[in-house]
Amino acid sequence: MRSKYITQGFVPATVISDLGIIYLDQANVAIVKGDAVFDDGNGYATNVGTAFAATFRGIAHTSKDNSAGSDGDTKVAIVPYSADVKYWVKNESGTVAAQTDVGEIVDLESNDGIDVTDVTVIEYGFLIDEIDISANAVAANTGGFVLGRFIKTPESS
């Protein structure tokens, strides 16, 4: 059982090598470490997204605020999609995570959480490997936490 629960974003459970970090030109938004990052359609990284799509690029490795700037003024560090990197993340669904959720591929609920009840995904999904619904986990986040990894969905392969 984990002793510390972070409710902001996707928290790596795998060591991230600096060699795995990429830098993308950032849209004029504030991106927080742990946010899901997407291409905004103009080639800029944004965290404005609540569902997986072909535009998913990875998870913000650092926080960067470009909300007062212009598109491309800054670069944001992200951990690109990899099925080898696991993350702990909060379940934001109104339903507490359950053992039956293990093995499911689920969608985002927001740019920093998943929804164990939403199994409709496009291009990418979050494969649940483990859940934590201990008293401490549910006290930190009512839906509990899940451990998993990003995968390309079978329909997109």
Protein backbone atom coordinates (compact mmCIF):
# COMPACT_ATOMS: atom_id res chain seq x y z
CA MET A 1 0.00 0.00 0.00
CA ARG A 2 1.29 3.43 -0.92
CA SER A 3 1.70 5.99 1.83
CA LYS A 4 1.44 9.17 -0.27
CA TYR A 5 -1.30 9.94 -2.75
CA ILE A 6 -0.79 12.64 -5.34
CA THR A 7 -4.05 13.81 -6.87
CA GLN A 8 -2.54 16.04 -9.57
CA GLY A 9 -1.99 14.22 -12.81
CA PHE A 10 -0.30 11.05 -13.96
CA VAL A 11 2.52 10.14 -11.56
CA PRO A 12 5.23 7.88 -13.01
CA ALA A 13 5.72 4.55 -11.27
CA THR A 14 8.58 3.83 -13.67
CA VAL A 15 11.93 5.61 -13.64
CA ILE A 16 11.95 8.11 -16.50
CA SER A 17 15.31 8.51 -18.21
CA ASP A 18 16.12 11.99 -19.47
CA LEU A 19 16.74 10.32 -22.82
CA GLY A 20 13.01 9.59 -22.98
CA ILE A 21 11.99 13.24 -22.64
CA ILE A 22 11.02 15.25 -25.70
CA TYR A 23 10.37 18.98 -25.97
CA LEU A 24 7.38 20.32 -27.89
CA ASP A 25 6.47 23.86 -28.82
CA GLN A 26 3.73 24.90 -26.42
CA ALA A 27 0.40 26.58 -27.13
CA ASN A 28 -0.53 29.63 -25.04
CA VAL A 29 -1.74 27.57 -22.08
CA ALA A 30 -0.44 26.60 -18.64
CA ILE A 31 0.53 22.92 -18.57
CA VAL A 32 1.00 21.24 -15.19
CA LYS A 33 3.39 18.36 -14.53
CA GLY A 34 1.40 15.14 -14.93
CA ASP A 35 -1.15 16.52 -17.41
CA ALA A 36 -2.01 14.59 -20.56
CA VAL A 37 -0.62 16.54 -23.51
CA PHE A 38 -2.12 16.73 -27.00
CA ASP A 39 -1.32 18.38 -30.32
CA ASP A 40 -3.73 21.29 -30.71
CA GLY A 41 -4.06 20.75 -34.46
CA ASN A 42 -1.61 23.56 -35.23
CA GLY A 43 1.49 21.71 -34.04
CA TYR A 44 1.52 23.08 -30.48
CA ALA A 45 1.35 21.13 -27.24
CA THR A 46 -1.76 21.71 -25.14
CA ASN A 47 -3.43 20.12 -22.14
CA VAL A 48 -6.90 20.98 -23.42
CA GLY A 49 -8.40 17.55 -23.85
CA THR A 50 -10.64 15.21 -21.92
CA ALA A 51 -10.59 12.17 -24.19
CA PHE A 52 -7.90 10.20 -25.95
CA ALA A 53 -7.45 10.84 -29.65
CA ALA A 54 -4.81 10.52 -32.33
CA THR A 55 -3.46 13.88 -31.10
CA PHE A 56 -2.29 12.43 -27.72
CA ARG A 57 1.45 13.01 -27.33
CA GLY A 58 2.29 11.98 -23.77
CA ILE A 59 2.47 13.27 -20.19
CA ALA A 60 3.96 16.60 -19.08
CA HIS A 61 7.28 15.98 -17.35
CA THR A 62 7.45 19.54 -16.00
CA SER A 63 5.06 22.42 -15.45
CA LYS A 64 5.26 25.32 -17.88
CA ASP A 65 3.03 28.41 -17.99
CA ASN A 66 2.76 30.04 -21.40
CA SER A 67 -0.75 31.41 -20.83
CA ALA A 68 0.47 35.00 -21.19
CA GLY A 69 2.60 34.20 -24.23
CA SER A 70 1.99 33.25 -27.82
CA ASP A 71 1.91 29.81 -29.39
CA GLY A 72 5.49 28.55 -29.68
CA ASP A 73 7.08 31.01 -27.22
CA THR A 74 8.10 28.14 -24.95
CA LYS A 75 8.74 24.43 -25.09
CA VAL A 76 7.30 21.92 -22.65
CA ALA A 77 9.03 18.68 -21.63
CA ILE A 78 6.89 15.58 -22.04
CA VAL A 79 7.29 11.86 -21.59
CA PRO A 80 6.07 10.51 -24.94
CA TYR A 81 3.58 7.68 -25.18
CA SER A 82 5.18 4.35 -24.21
CA ALA A 83 3.57 1.11 -23.11
CA ASP A 84 6.68 0.55 -20.97
CA VAL A 85 6.02 3.48 -18.63
CA LYS A 86 3.48 2.96 -15.84
CA TYR A 87 1.63 5.71 -14.00
CA TRP A 88 -0.48 6.05 -10.88
CA VAL A 89 -3.49 8.26 -11.50
CA LYS A 90 -6.71 9.16 -9.75
CA ASN A 91 -10.00 7.67 -10.89
CA GLU A 92 -12.36 10.61 -11.34
CA SER A 93 -15.44 8.56 -12.11
CA GLY A 94 -18.37 8.57 -9.69
CA THR A 95 -17.72 4.84 -9.28
CA VAL A 96 -14.91 3.59 -7.04
CA ALA A 97 -12.35 1.52 -8.94
CA ALA A 98 -12.90 -2.23 -8.56
CA GLN A 99 -10.84 -5.36 -9.15
CA THR A 100 -12.96 -6.01 -12.25
CA ASP A 101 -11.45 -2.84 -13.77
CA VAL A 102 -8.01 -4.48 -13.95
CA GLY A 103 -7.30 -5.32 -17.58
CA GLU A 104 -9.75 -2.73 -18.95
CA ILE A 105 -8.69 0.00 -21.35
CA VAL A 106 -10.25 3.27 -20.22
CA ASP A 107 -10.47 6.89 -21.31
CA LEU A 108 -9.56 10.16 -19.66
CA GLU A 109 -12.06 12.01 -17.50
CA SER A 110 -9.92 15.17 -17.55
CA ASN A 111 -6.37 16.02 -18.55
CA ASP A 112 -5.14 14.68 -15.20
CA GLY A 113 -7.38 11.71 -14.39
CA ILE A 114 -9.16 8.68 -15.83
CA ASP A 115 -12.70 7.29 -15.70
CA VAL A 116 -12.94 3.55 -14.99
CA THR A 117 -16.46 3.47 -16.42
CA ASP A 118 -15.53 4.98 -19.81
CA VAL A 119 -14.21 2.22 -22.04
CA THR A 120 -14.81 4.10 -25.29
CA VAL A 121 -11.36 5.15 -26.48
CA ILE A 122 -9.99 6.48 -29.74
CA GLU A 123 -6.44 5.67 -30.87
CA TYR A 124 -5.00 5.47 -27.32
CA GLY A 125 -6.24 4.17 -23.99
CA PHE A 126 -5.07 3.66 -20.42
CA LEU A 127 -4.72 -0.05 -19.57
CA ILE A 128 -5.38 -0.65 -15.87
CA ASP A 129 -2.88 -3.04 -14.27
CA GLU A 130 -3.69 -2.54 -10.59
CA ILE A 131 -6.04 -0.59 -8.33
CA ASP A 132 -5.67 0.99 -4.91
CA ILE A 133 -8.94 1.47 -3.05
CA SER A 134 -7.49 1.27 0.43
CA ALA A 135 -8.95 3.56 3.09
CA ASN A 136 -6.03 5.99 2.59
CA ALA A 137 -6.49 5.99 -1.20
CA VAL A 138 -10.23 6.66 -1.02
CA ALA A 139 -9.65 9.37 1.61
CA ALA A 140 -7.29 11.12 -0.84
CA ASN A 141 -9.60 10.61 -3.85
CA THR A 142 -13.09 9.13 -3.57
CA GLY A 143 -12.69 6.98 -6.72
CA GLY A 144 -9.38 5.51 -5.60
CA PHE A 145 -6.26 5.25 -7.74
CA VAL A 146 -5.19 2.99 -10.57
CA LEU A 147 -1.81 1.92 -11.89
CA GLY A 148 -1.55 1.46 -15.61
CA ARG A 149 0.02 2.35 -18.91
CA PHE A 150 -0.90 3.95 -22.18
CA ILE A 151 -1.47 1.69 -25.15
CA LYS A 152 -2.50 2.08 -28.76
CA THR A 153 -5.97 0.64 -29.10
CA PRO A 154 -6.40 -2.45 -31.28
CA GLU A 155 -8.58 -0.50 -33.71
CA SER A 156 -5.71 1.92 -34.41
CA SER A 157 -2.91 -0.60 -34.91
